[in-house]
Amino acid sequence: MPSIPDTMQQIQSTVRADGTLKLSLETVPVPSPGADEVLVRVEATPINPSDLGLLFGGADMTTAEAGGDAQAPVVTASIPDAVMPAMAGRLDQALPVGNEGAGVVVAAGDDAAAQALMGRTVAILGGAMYAEYRCIKAAQCLVLPEGTTPRDGASCFVNPLTALGMVETMKLENHTALVHTAAASNLGQMLNKLCLADGIGLVNIVRRAEQRELLESQGAKHVVDSSADSFTADLTDALEATGATLGFDAIGGGKLAGQILAAMEAAAVRSATEYSRYGSTVHKQVYIYGGLDRGPTILNRNFGMAWGVGGWLLPPFLARIGQDAAQRLRERVAAEIKTTFASSYTKEISLTEALSLAAIGEYGRQATGTKYLITPQKR
């Protein structure tokens, strides 16, 4: 096993009190694991939409400027005045970035559980993953099956557990089928495979014809294109066919959440035996879990009175179901990481390359079908 250096590189994000963002590649000490901890050599860590909030700190990245040098790049950008009050809790703090990743355990504390992980390939959800090494509790590691590479397991948590969380939320709240927007994303493709495997009705909403073709090539049964003139009719037909009354919306802003509720109501009314001025009694729910559109959420209330719109995040959901249930979901992810929960990446970049203006311009767009993987050991 390679020797462990004294220092490592780590991407940090700082919101400065003068209203500027600083992204930098810093040299910091490699931590030593405590008794119940392990040191993981990070070999693969994805850039998820959920990472960008901490990374960019609300900055207008069209103002980004490059500085530093090839070994220690620095990117600065302006943060709008309207955003700064929300950043008050992190001013002038250099925060490490990166929610999840995978690598090999290269050092371990004295506890038996930690020692048992020596040399194993593990996945981690714990922050500070855009770095060459990560020290973490042994109990927080997910051991990957033999033959699974760090690249295979890098996206083991955020997207897979979100997909499973959507299905589990459906069951907990007594729905029987789902609607998902931005459905051609990495997460959307996972959810499609999961619902097909588990026999769950899923309505996939996409924005382009080629995205529809992609999902249909993967076996999706109900895909509707929000850019089509027939969108409302197509969506209502798909909702009637599946009986879906629960939606998860990655867009957030605009009219889409309201359009989903309206189509759910229209589908429910088709089977109604009598008229009600209050609409159907079927409860219709949309959870907003992303913010691809940062504008206002617009609801034209033409969907009766039995409805709800709320927010959904993975960590509160996992806390809601408890440690044992959450562990069962993690174990399913590990078992199916090369099938149901496999991720694909459009590009692999080093820590240094992750701070190039060209790369930031690409992964910062959060375009469906574009997913970057950081390989911290790459030189």
Protein backbone atom coordinates (compact mmCIF):
# COMPACT_ATOMS: atom_id res chain seq x y z
CA MET A 1 0.00 0.00 0.00
CA PRO A 2 1.42 3.46 -0.91
CA SER A 3 2.92 5.53 1.89
CA ILE A 4 0.73 8.27 3.35
CA PRO A 5 2.03 11.83 2.84
CA ASP A 6 2.01 14.49 5.54
CA THR A 7 -0.06 16.92 3.49
CA MET A 8 -2.83 16.76 0.90
CA GLN A 9 -4.79 18.99 -1.47
CA GLN A 10 -8.35 20.01 -0.68
CA ILE A 11 -10.87 22.29 -2.43
CA GLN A 12 -12.23 24.99 -0.15
CA SER A 13 -14.96 27.58 -0.60
CA THR A 14 -14.95 30.92 1.23
CA VAL A 15 -17.64 33.60 1.19
CA ARG A 16 -15.84 36.79 2.14
CA ALA A 17 -17.44 39.68 3.98
CA ASP A 18 -16.65 41.98 1.03
CA GLY A 19 -19.20 40.10 -1.09
CA THR A 20 -16.83 37.88 -3.05
CA LEU A 21 -16.48 34.14 -3.34
CA LYS A 22 -13.07 32.50 -3.21
CA LEU A 23 -12.56 28.95 -4.46
CA SER A 24 -9.11 27.56 -3.84
CA LEU A 25 -7.05 24.40 -3.82
CA GLU A 26 -5.33 24.38 -0.44
CA THR A 27 -2.56 22.25 1.02
CA VAL A 28 -3.61 20.95 4.44
CA PRO A 29 -2.31 18.27 6.84
CA VAL A 30 -3.41 14.67 6.30
CA PRO A 31 -5.37 13.76 9.45
CA SER A 32 -4.57 10.74 11.60
CA PRO A 33 -7.52 8.45 12.37
CA GLY A 34 -8.78 8.11 15.94
CA ALA A 35 -9.55 4.75 17.51
CA ASP A 36 -12.90 4.34 15.74
CA GLU A 37 -11.91 6.11 12.50
CA VAL A 38 -10.32 5.24 9.18
CA LEU A 39 -8.32 7.24 6.65
CA VAL A 40 -9.60 6.84 3.10
CA ARG A 41 -7.55 7.67 0.01
CA VAL A 42 -10.27 9.33 -2.07
CA GLU A 43 -10.18 8.13 -5.66
CA ALA A 44 -13.55 9.27 -7.05
CA THR A 45 -16.06 11.90 -5.95
CA PRO A 46 -18.95 13.28 -8.04
CA ILE A 47 -20.12 16.85 -8.50
CA ASN A 48 -23.81 16.74 -7.62
CA PRO A 49 -26.26 19.66 -7.84
CA SER A 50 -26.42 19.50 -4.04
CA ASP A 51 -22.69 20.30 -3.89
CA LEU A 52 -22.97 23.52 -5.86
CA GLY A 53 -24.73 25.55 -3.17
CA LEU A 54 -21.79 25.19 -0.79
CA LEU A 55 -19.22 25.38 -3.56
CA PHE A 56 -20.53 28.55 -5.23
CA GLY A 57 -22.00 30.26 -2.16
CA GLY A 58 -24.69 32.05 -4.14
CA ALA A 59 -22.13 33.81 -6.34
CA ASP A 60 -22.85 34.94 -9.88
CA MET A 61 -20.43 32.59 -11.62
CA THR A 62 -20.61 34.58 -14.85
CA THR A 63 -18.34 37.04 -13.00
CA ALA A 64 -15.76 34.34 -12.16
CA GLU A 65 -12.10 35.17 -12.64
CA ALA A 66 -9.13 32.82 -12.47
CA GLY A 67 -6.07 33.48 -10.34
CA GLY A 68 -3.35 31.67 -8.42
CA ASP A 69 -1.12 29.32 -10.41
CA ALA A 70 -1.24 25.90 -12.02
CA GLN A 71 -0.53 24.08 -8.74
CA ALA A 72 -2.76 26.24 -6.54
CA PRO A 73 -5.58 27.74 -8.64
CA VAL A 74 -7.90 30.35 -7.18
CA VAL A 75 -11.27 31.42 -8.58
CA THR A 76 -13.09 34.53 -7.40
CA ALA A 77 -16.62 35.70 -8.21
CA SER A 78 -19.05 38.38 -7.07
CA ILE A 79 -21.98 37.57 -4.80
CA PRO A 80 -25.14 39.66 -5.36
CA ASP A 81 -26.04 41.96 -2.48
CA ALA A 82 -29.45 40.30 -2.18
CA VAL A 83 -27.78 36.93 -1.50
CA MET A 84 -25.31 38.07 1.16
CA PRO A 85 -27.75 38.03 4.15
CA ALA A 86 -28.28 34.29 3.57
CA MET A 87 -24.49 33.78 3.74
CA ALA A 88 -24.09 35.40 7.18
CA GLY A 89 -23.45 32.08 8.91
CA ARG A 90 -20.42 31.20 6.77
CA LEU A 91 -18.63 34.53 6.26
CA ASP A 92 -14.83 34.28 6.03
CA GLN A 93 -14.82 30.54 6.77
CA ALA A 94 -12.85 28.28 4.42
CA LEU A 95 -15.24 25.34 4.02
CA PRO A 96 -14.24 22.02 2.42
CA VAL A 97 -16.65 20.79 -0.25
CA GLY A 98 -17.97 17.48 -1.63
CA ASN A 99 -20.77 15.39 -0.16
CA GLU A 100 -19.82 11.87 -1.19
CA GLY A 101 -17.19 9.70 -2.80
CA ALA A 102 -15.29 6.44 -2.63
CA GLY A 103 -11.78 5.20 -2.12
CA VAL A 104 -9.54 2.75 -0.29
CA VAL A 105 -8.91 2.60 3.45
CA VAL A 106 -5.17 3.16 3.96
CA ALA A 107 -5.00 3.65 7.74
CA ALA A 108 -7.26 2.73 10.64
CA GLY A 109 -7.63 3.25 14.37
CA ASP A 110 -7.22 0.54 16.97
CA ASP A 111 -10.88 -0.46 17.22
CA ALA A 112 -11.71 -3.82 15.65
CA ALA A 113 -14.38 -2.30 13.38
CA ALA A 114 -11.88 0.20 12.01
CA GLN A 115 -9.11 -2.38 11.58
CA ALA A 116 -11.51 -4.64 9.67
CA LEU A 117 -11.74 -2.01 6.93
CA MET A 118 -8.01 -1.84 6.16
CA GLY A 119 -7.48 -2.16 2.41
CA ARG A 120 -11.21 -2.26 1.68
CA THR A 121 -12.90 -0.14 -0.98
CA VAL A 122 -15.57 1.96 0.71
CA ALA A 123 -18.10 4.66 -0.12
CA ILE A 124 -18.55 7.68 2.13
CA LEU A 125 -21.19 10.34 2.74
CA GLY A 126 -19.72 12.94 5.05
CA GLY A 127 -18.62 16.13 3.32
CA ALA A 128 -15.09 17.38 2.55
CA MET A 129 -14.70 14.79 -0.20
CA TYR A 130 -13.02 17.05 -2.78
CA ALA A 131 -9.67 16.11 -1.29
CA GLU A 132 -6.98 13.48 -1.63
CA TYR A 133 -7.78 11.91 1.76
CA ARG A 134 -10.74 11.84 4.15
CA CYS A 135 -10.75 10.75 7.78
CA ILE A 136 -14.13 9.44 8.93
CA LYS A 137 -15.80 7.16 11.47
CA ALA A 138 -15.59 3.51 10.45
CA ALA A 139 -19.34 3.18 11.06
CA GLN A 140 -20.01 5.77 8.36
CA CYS A 141 -18.31 3.73 5.64
CA LEU A 142 -20.24 1.54 3.23
CA VAL A 143 -18.10 -1.42 2.21
CA LEU A 144 -18.44 -2.04 -1.51
CA PRO A 145 -18.74 -5.58 -2.90
CA GLU A 146 -15.64 -7.32 -4.18
CA GLY A 147 -14.82 -6.22 -7.71
CA THR A 148 -16.43 -2.79 -7.26
CA THR A 149 -14.09 0.10 -8.05
CA PRO A 150 -14.16 3.52 -6.35
CA ARG A 151 -15.46 4.93 -9.63
CA ASP A 152 -18.35 2.43 -9.51
CA GLY A 153 -19.20 3.44 -5.95
CA ALA A 154 -18.49 7.17 -6.01
CA SER A 155 -22.17 8.09 -6.33
CA CYS A 156 -23.37 5.52 -3.82
CA PHE A 157 -25.41 7.82 -1.61
CA VAL A 158 -27.01 11.03 -2.86
CA ASN A 159 -28.74 9.86 -6.05
CA PRO A 160 -29.40 6.19 -5.13
CA LEU A 161 -30.75 6.99 -1.66
CA THR A 162 -32.82 9.84 -3.09
CA ALA A 163 -34.40 7.46 -5.61
CA LEU A 164 -35.07 4.90 -2.90
CA GLY A 165 -36.31 7.67 -0.61
CA MET A 166 -38.86 8.76 -3.19
CA VAL A 167 -40.22 5.22 -3.43
CA GLU A 168 -40.26 4.80 0.36
CA THR A 169 -42.04 8.16 0.77
CA MET A 170 -44.65 6.94 -1.71
CA LYS A 171 -45.27 3.87 0.42
CA LEU A 172 -45.26 5.74 3.73
CA GLU A 173 -47.82 8.26 2.47
CA ASN A 174 -50.11 5.68 0.85
CA HIS A 175 -49.55 6.58 -2.79
CA THR A 176 -49.11 3.88 -5.41
CA ALA A 177 -47.17 5.52 -8.27
CA LEU A 178 -44.86 8.46 -8.91
CA VAL A 179 -44.20 11.45 -11.15
CA HIS A 180 -40.65 12.76 -11.62
CA THR A 181 -39.36 15.85 -13.42
CA ALA A 182 -35.94 16.32 -15.05
CA ALA A 183 -36.32 12.59 -15.51
CA ALA A 184 -33.41 12.09 -17.91
CA SER A 185 -30.90 13.09 -15.22
CA ASN A 186 -28.61 10.53 -13.61
CA LEU A 187 -31.04 10.36 -10.70
CA GLY A 188 -34.00 10.09 -13.05
CA GLN A 189 -32.46 7.17 -14.88
CA MET A 190 -31.85 5.41 -11.57
CA LEU A 191 -35.44 6.02 -10.47
CA ASN A 192 -36.70 4.64 -13.77
CA LYS A 193 -34.65 1.45 -13.37
CA LEU A 194 -35.75 1.13 -9.73
CA CYS A 195 -39.44 1.49 -10.52
CA LEU A 196 -39.19 -0.97 -13.39
CA ALA A 197 -37.45 -3.50 -11.13
CA ASP A 198 -40.00 -3.05 -8.33
CA GLY A 199 -43.11 -2.88 -10.53
CA ILE A 200 -43.97 0.72 -9.59
CA GLY A 201 -45.77 3.05 -11.99
CA LEU A 202 -43.65 6.06 -12.94
CA VAL A 203 -44.43 9.08 -15.09
CA ASN A 204 -41.18 10.62 -16.39
CA ILE A 205 -41.32 14.30 -17.39
CA VAL A 206 -38.53 15.49 -19.71
CA ARG A 207 -37.86 18.66 -21.69
CA ARG A 208 -36.55 17.37 -25.02
CA ALA A 209 -37.36 14.64 -27.51
CA GLU A 210 -33.91 13.05 -27.22
CA GLN A 211 -34.39 12.73 -23.45
CA ARG A 212 -37.63 10.90 -24.08
CA GLU A 213 -35.87 8.55 -26.47
CA LEU A 214 -33.13 7.89 -23.90
CA LEU A 215 -35.56 6.84 -21.19
CA GLU A 216 -37.70 4.80 -23.55
CA SER A 217 -34.57 2.94 -24.67
CA GLN A 218 -34.10 2.03 -21.00
CA GLY A 219 -37.60 0.59 -20.77
CA ALA A 220 -39.56 3.58 -19.45
CA LYS A 221 -43.28 3.09 -20.06
CA HIS A 222 -44.57 6.63 -19.53
CA VAL A 223 -42.44 9.56 -20.73
CA VAL A 224 -43.97 12.98 -21.48
CA ASP A 225 -42.23 15.98 -23.01
CA SER A 226 -43.06 19.30 -21.31
CA SER A 227 -42.04 21.19 -24.47
CA ALA A 228 -44.66 19.41 -26.62
CA ASP A 229 -47.96 21.08 -27.50
CA SER A 230 -49.73 17.95 -26.26
CA PHE A 231 -47.99 17.98 -22.86
CA THR A 232 -51.10 18.54 -20.72
CA ALA A 233 -53.08 15.83 -22.48
CA ASP A 234 -50.14 13.41 -22.51
CA LEU A 235 -49.47 13.99 -18.80
CA THR A 236 -53.10 13.49 -17.85
CA ASP A 237 -53.27 10.25 -19.83
CA ALA A 238 -50.09 8.94 -18.16
CA LEU A 239 -51.38 9.87 -14.71
CA GLU A 240 -54.67 8.12 -15.37
CA ALA A 241 -52.84 5.02 -16.58
CA THR A 242 -50.53 4.82 -13.56
CA GLY A 243 -52.74 6.32 -10.85
CA ALA A 244 -49.80 8.49 -9.75
CA THR A 245 -50.74 11.06 -7.09
CA LEU A 246 -47.25 11.87 -5.79
CA GLY A 247 -44.71 13.95 -7.68
CA PHE A 248 -41.08 14.89 -7.09
CA ASP A 249 -40.03 18.08 -8.85
CA ALA A 250 -36.39 18.98 -9.46
CA ILE A 251 -37.27 22.23 -11.26
CA GLY A 252 -38.86 24.16 -8.39
CA GLY A 253 -39.67 27.44 -10.12
CA GLY A 254 -42.26 28.15 -12.79
CA LYS A 255 -45.57 26.45 -13.47
CA LEU A 256 -44.62 22.77 -13.63
CA ALA A 257 -45.57 21.77 -10.07
CA GLY A 258 -49.01 23.34 -10.57
CA GLN A 259 -49.40 21.68 -13.95
CA ILE A 260 -48.71 18.29 -12.36
CA LEU A 261 -51.33 18.87 -9.67
CA ALA A 262 -53.86 20.04 -12.27
CA ALA A 263 -53.25 16.97 -14.42
CA MET A 264 -53.57 14.72 -11.35
CA GLU A 265 -56.94 16.34 -10.65
CA ALA A 266 -58.05 15.96 -14.26
CA ALA A 267 -57.07 12.28 -14.18
CA ALA A 268 -58.98 11.74 -10.92
CA VAL A 269 -62.11 13.51 -12.22
CA ARG A 270 -62.24 11.16 -15.22
CA SER A 271 -63.25 8.32 -12.92
CA ALA A 272 -65.51 10.38 -10.62
CA THR A 273 -69.13 9.22 -10.34
CA GLU A 274 -70.52 12.59 -9.26
CA TYR A 275 -69.62 16.28 -9.40
CA SER A 276 -68.12 18.15 -6.43
CA ARG A 277 -67.51 21.87 -6.31
CA TYR A 278 -64.42 21.15 -4.18
CA GLY A 279 -62.86 18.79 -6.69
CA SER A 280 -61.82 15.20 -6.14
CA THR A 281 -61.17 13.81 -2.68
CA VAL A 282 -57.95 12.18 -3.87
CA HIS A 283 -54.98 13.81 -2.15
CA LYS A 284 -52.40 15.03 -4.65
CA GLN A 285 -48.89 15.89 -3.45
CA VAL A 286 -45.85 17.43 -5.13
CA TYR A 287 -42.52 17.65 -3.32
CA ILE A 288 -39.93 20.11 -4.60
CA TYR A 289 -36.47 18.68 -4.01
CA GLY A 290 -34.35 20.75 -6.41
CA GLY A 291 -33.99 24.24 -7.80
CA LEU A 292 -33.07 24.11 -11.48
CA ASP A 293 -35.38 27.13 -11.86
CA ARG A 294 -34.73 29.64 -9.06
CA GLY A 295 -37.81 31.70 -9.89
CA PRO A 296 -41.14 31.67 -8.00
CA THR A 297 -43.25 28.52 -7.91
CA ILE A 298 -46.49 29.43 -9.68
CA LEU A 299 -49.70 27.63 -8.74
CA ASN A 300 -52.91 28.23 -10.66
CA ARG A 301 -55.35 26.60 -8.27
CA ASN A 302 -57.41 24.50 -10.61
CA PHE A 303 -56.84 21.22 -8.78
CA GLY A 304 -59.49 21.14 -6.07
CA MET A 305 -58.81 21.29 -2.34
CA ALA A 306 -57.10 17.96 -1.64
CA TRP A 307 -53.50 18.80 -2.46
CA GLY A 308 -50.15 19.77 -1.03
CA VAL A 309 -46.82 21.26 -2.11
CA GLY A 310 -43.78 20.92 0.11
CA GLY A 311 -40.03 20.50 0.22
CA TRP A 312 -38.18 17.19 0.39
CA LEU A 313 -34.56 16.56 1.31
CA LEU A 314 -32.69 13.30 1.77
CA PRO A 315 -31.15 13.84 5.26
CA PRO A 316 -34.49 14.61 7.00
CA PHE A 317 -36.06 11.65 5.23
CA LEU A 318 -33.32 9.28 6.46
CA ALA A 319 -33.76 10.66 9.98
CA ARG A 320 -37.51 10.08 9.66
CA ILE A 321 -37.23 6.38 8.82
CA GLY A 322 -34.53 5.65 11.38
CA GLN A 323 -31.06 4.11 11.34
CA ASP A 324 -32.06 0.50 10.71
CA ALA A 325 -34.29 1.29 7.74
CA ALA A 326 -31.70 3.67 6.30
CA GLN A 327 -29.04 0.97 6.58
CA ARG A 328 -31.23 -1.45 4.64
CA LEU A 329 -31.47 1.10 1.84
CA ARG A 330 -27.67 1.55 1.84
CA GLU A 331 -27.16 -2.20 1.63
CA ARG A 332 -29.48 -2.42 -1.37
CA VAL A 333 -27.49 0.34 -3.08
CA ALA A 334 -24.22 -1.53 -2.48
CA ALA A 335 -25.71 -4.76 -3.84
CA GLU A 336 -27.03 -3.07 -7.01
CA ILE A 337 -24.37 -0.41 -7.57
CA LYS A 338 -23.45 -1.81 -11.00
CA THR A 339 -27.04 -2.29 -12.15
CA THR A 340 -30.01 -0.33 -10.77
CA PHE A 341 -27.85 2.39 -9.22
CA ALA A 342 -25.03 2.61 -11.76
CA SER A 343 -23.89 6.15 -12.59
CA SER A 344 -22.41 7.46 -15.81
CA TYR A 345 -20.15 10.48 -16.13
CA THR A 346 -19.53 12.82 -19.03
CA LYS A 347 -16.05 13.79 -17.86
CA GLU A 348 -13.44 12.95 -15.23
CA ILE A 349 -11.29 15.79 -13.90
CA SER A 350 -8.59 16.37 -11.31
CA LEU A 351 -8.90 18.66 -8.30
CA THR A 352 -6.96 21.31 -10.21
CA GLU A 353 -9.13 20.97 -13.29
CA ALA A 354 -12.26 21.29 -11.14
CA LEU A 355 -11.27 24.91 -10.49
CA SER A 356 -10.77 25.82 -14.14
CA LEU A 357 -13.24 28.34 -15.55
CA ALA A 358 -14.03 25.98 -18.43
CA ALA A 359 -15.04 23.13 -16.12
CA ILE A 360 -16.99 25.42 -13.79
CA GLY A 361 -18.90 26.76 -16.78
CA GLU A 362 -19.91 23.23 -17.72
CA TYR A 363 -20.82 21.54 -14.43
CA GLY A 364 -22.23 24.79 -13.04
CA ARG A 365 -25.00 24.72 -15.66
CA GLN A 366 -26.56 21.63 -14.04
CA ALA A 367 -27.56 20.44 -17.50
CA THR A 368 -29.46 17.17 -17.64
CA GLY A 369 -27.14 14.41 -18.78
CA THR A 370 -23.97 16.26 -17.75
CA LYS A 371 -22.23 14.81 -14.70
CA TYR A 372 -18.61 15.36 -13.69
CA LEU A 373 -16.45 13.07 -11.57
CA ILE A 374 -13.44 14.38 -9.66
CA THR A 375 -10.52 11.94 -9.37
CA PRO A 376 -8.37 13.47 -6.61
CA GLN A 377 -5.39 11.21 -7.23
CA LYS A 378 -5.15 12.32 -10.87
CA ARG A 379 -2.10 14.37 -11.73
